[in-house]
Amino acid sequence: MSYVILFILTGLYMIYGVGQVVRNKALNPMTKCAWIIFVIALPVLGTAGYLRTNFKERHGRW
């Protein structure tokens, strides 16, 4: 159940972050692209790292 909450919060964070970047008029298009990549990659890598530390490989398979 806690993993479902983790994925929901991660998704909501990404939607909120992309929305904030897109609405920011002070950023040029290239900077917006960089921020959108950052906003999407950071929670994905963080969640992947968290799940990788909790689930260990057993006998060469998951």
C-alpha atoms as a PDB file:
ATOM      1  CA  MET A   1       0.000   0.000   0.000  1.00  0.00           C
ATOM      2  CA  SER A   2       2.823   2.403   0.779  1.00  0.00           C
ATOM      3  CA  TYR A   3       4.247   1.876  -2.714  1.00  0.00           C
ATOM      4  CA  VAL A   4       0.961   2.955  -4.260  1.00  0.00           C
ATOM      5  CA  ILE A   5       1.068   6.156  -2.214  1.00  0.00           C
ATOM      6  CA  LEU A   6       4.698   6.675  -3.261  1.00  0.00           C
ATOM      7  CA  PHE A   7       3.828   6.362  -6.949  1.00  0.00           C
ATOM      8  CA  ILE A   8       0.802   8.653  -6.617  1.00  0.00           C
ATOM      9  CA  LEU A   9       2.837  11.340  -4.855  1.00  0.00           C
ATOM     10  CA  THR A  10       5.619  11.017  -7.429  1.00  0.00           C
ATOM     11  CA  GLY A  11       3.148  11.436 -10.282  1.00  0.00           C
ATOM     12  CA  LEU A  12       1.475  14.422  -8.656  1.00  0.00           C
ATOM     13  CA  TYR A  13       4.862  16.019  -7.999  1.00  0.00           C
ATOM     14  CA  MET A  14       5.837  15.649 -11.651  1.00  0.00           C
ATOM     15  CA  ILE A  15       2.532  17.075 -12.907  1.00  0.00           C
ATOM     16  CA  TYR A  16       2.791  20.026 -10.504  1.00  0.00           C
ATOM     17  CA  GLY A  17       6.443  20.677 -11.398  1.00  0.00           C
ATOM     18  CA  VAL A  18       5.876  20.596 -15.147  1.00  0.00           C
ATOM     19  CA  GLY A  19       2.888  22.901 -14.749  1.00  0.00           C
ATOM     20  CA  GLN A  20       4.933  25.418 -12.779  1.00  0.00           C
ATOM     21  CA  VAL A  21       7.737  25.368 -15.361  1.00  0.00           C
ATOM     22  CA  VAL A  22       5.361  25.792 -18.297  1.00  0.00           C
ATOM     23  CA  ARG A  23       3.546  28.718 -16.635  1.00  0.00           C
ATOM     24  CA  ASN A  24       6.795  30.552 -15.784  1.00  0.00           C
ATOM     25  CA  LYS A  25       7.071  33.386 -18.327  1.00  0.00           C
ATOM     26  CA  ALA A  26      10.603  34.379 -17.265  1.00  0.00           C
ATOM     27  CA  LEU A  27      12.198  31.230 -18.705  1.00  0.00           C
ATOM     28  CA  ASN A  28      13.209  30.891 -22.338  1.00  0.00           C
ATOM     29  CA  PRO A  29      12.172  27.696 -24.192  1.00  0.00           C
ATOM     30  CA  MET A  30      15.551  25.971 -23.837  1.00  0.00           C
ATOM     31  CA  THR A  31      15.634  26.559 -20.084  1.00  0.00           C
ATOM     32  CA  LYS A  32      12.060  25.282 -19.831  1.00  0.00           C
ATOM     33  CA  CYS A  33      13.081  22.065 -21.600  1.00  0.00           C
ATOM     34  CA  ALA A  34      15.990  21.596 -19.204  1.00  0.00           C
ATOM     35  CA  TRP A  35      13.761  22.168 -16.157  1.00  0.00           C
ATOM     36  CA  ILE A  36      11.082  19.804 -17.453  1.00  0.00           C
ATOM     37  CA  ILE A  37      13.697  17.068 -17.923  1.00  0.00           C
ATOM     38  CA  PHE A  38      14.984  17.753 -14.409  1.00  0.00           C
ATOM     39  CA  VAL A  39      11.490  17.710 -12.879  1.00  0.00           C
ATOM     40  CA  ILE A  40      10.691  14.376 -14.538  1.00  0.00           C
ATOM     41  CA  ALA A  41      14.072  12.680 -14.030  1.00  0.00           C
ATOM     42  CA  LEU A  42      14.615  13.545 -10.370  1.00  0.00           C
ATOM     43  CA  PRO A  43      11.587  11.767  -8.874  1.00  0.00           C
ATOM     44  CA  VAL A  44      11.917   8.840 -11.288  1.00  0.00           C
ATOM     45  CA  LEU A  45      15.541   8.255 -10.299  1.00  0.00           C
ATOM     46  CA  GLY A  46      14.750   8.806  -6.623  1.00  0.00           C
ATOM     47  CA  THR A  47      11.884   6.323  -6.661  1.00  0.00           C
ATOM     48  CA  ALA A  48      13.945   3.797  -8.593  1.00  0.00           C
ATOM     49  CA  GLY A  49      16.762   4.126  -6.076  1.00  0.00           C
ATOM     50  CA  TYR A  50      14.365   3.728  -3.168  1.00  0.00           C
ATOM     51  CA  LEU A  51      12.755   0.624  -4.617  1.00  0.00           C
ATOM     52  CA  ARG A  52      16.134  -0.859  -5.572  1.00  0.00           C
ATOM     53  CA  THR A  53      17.312  -0.631  -1.962  1.00  0.00           C
ATOM     54  CA  ASN A  54      14.160  -2.377  -0.696  1.00  0.00           C
ATOM     55  CA  PHE A  55      14.009  -5.207  -3.231  1.00  0.00           C
ATOM     56  CA  LYS A  56      17.130  -7.325  -3.435  1.00  0.00           C
ATOM     57  CA  GLU A  57      17.910  -9.745  -6.213  1.00  0.00           C
ATOM     58  CA  ARG A  58      17.455 -13.398  -5.249  1.00  0.00           C
ATOM     59  CA  HIS A  59      19.188 -16.196  -7.121  1.00  0.00           C
ATOM     60  CA  GLY A  60      19.822 -14.006 -10.133  1.00  0.00           C
ATOM     61  CA  ARG A  61      16.136 -13.140 -10.555  1.00  0.00           C
ATOM     62  CA  TRP A  62      13.646 -10.717  -9.005  1.00  0.00           C
END
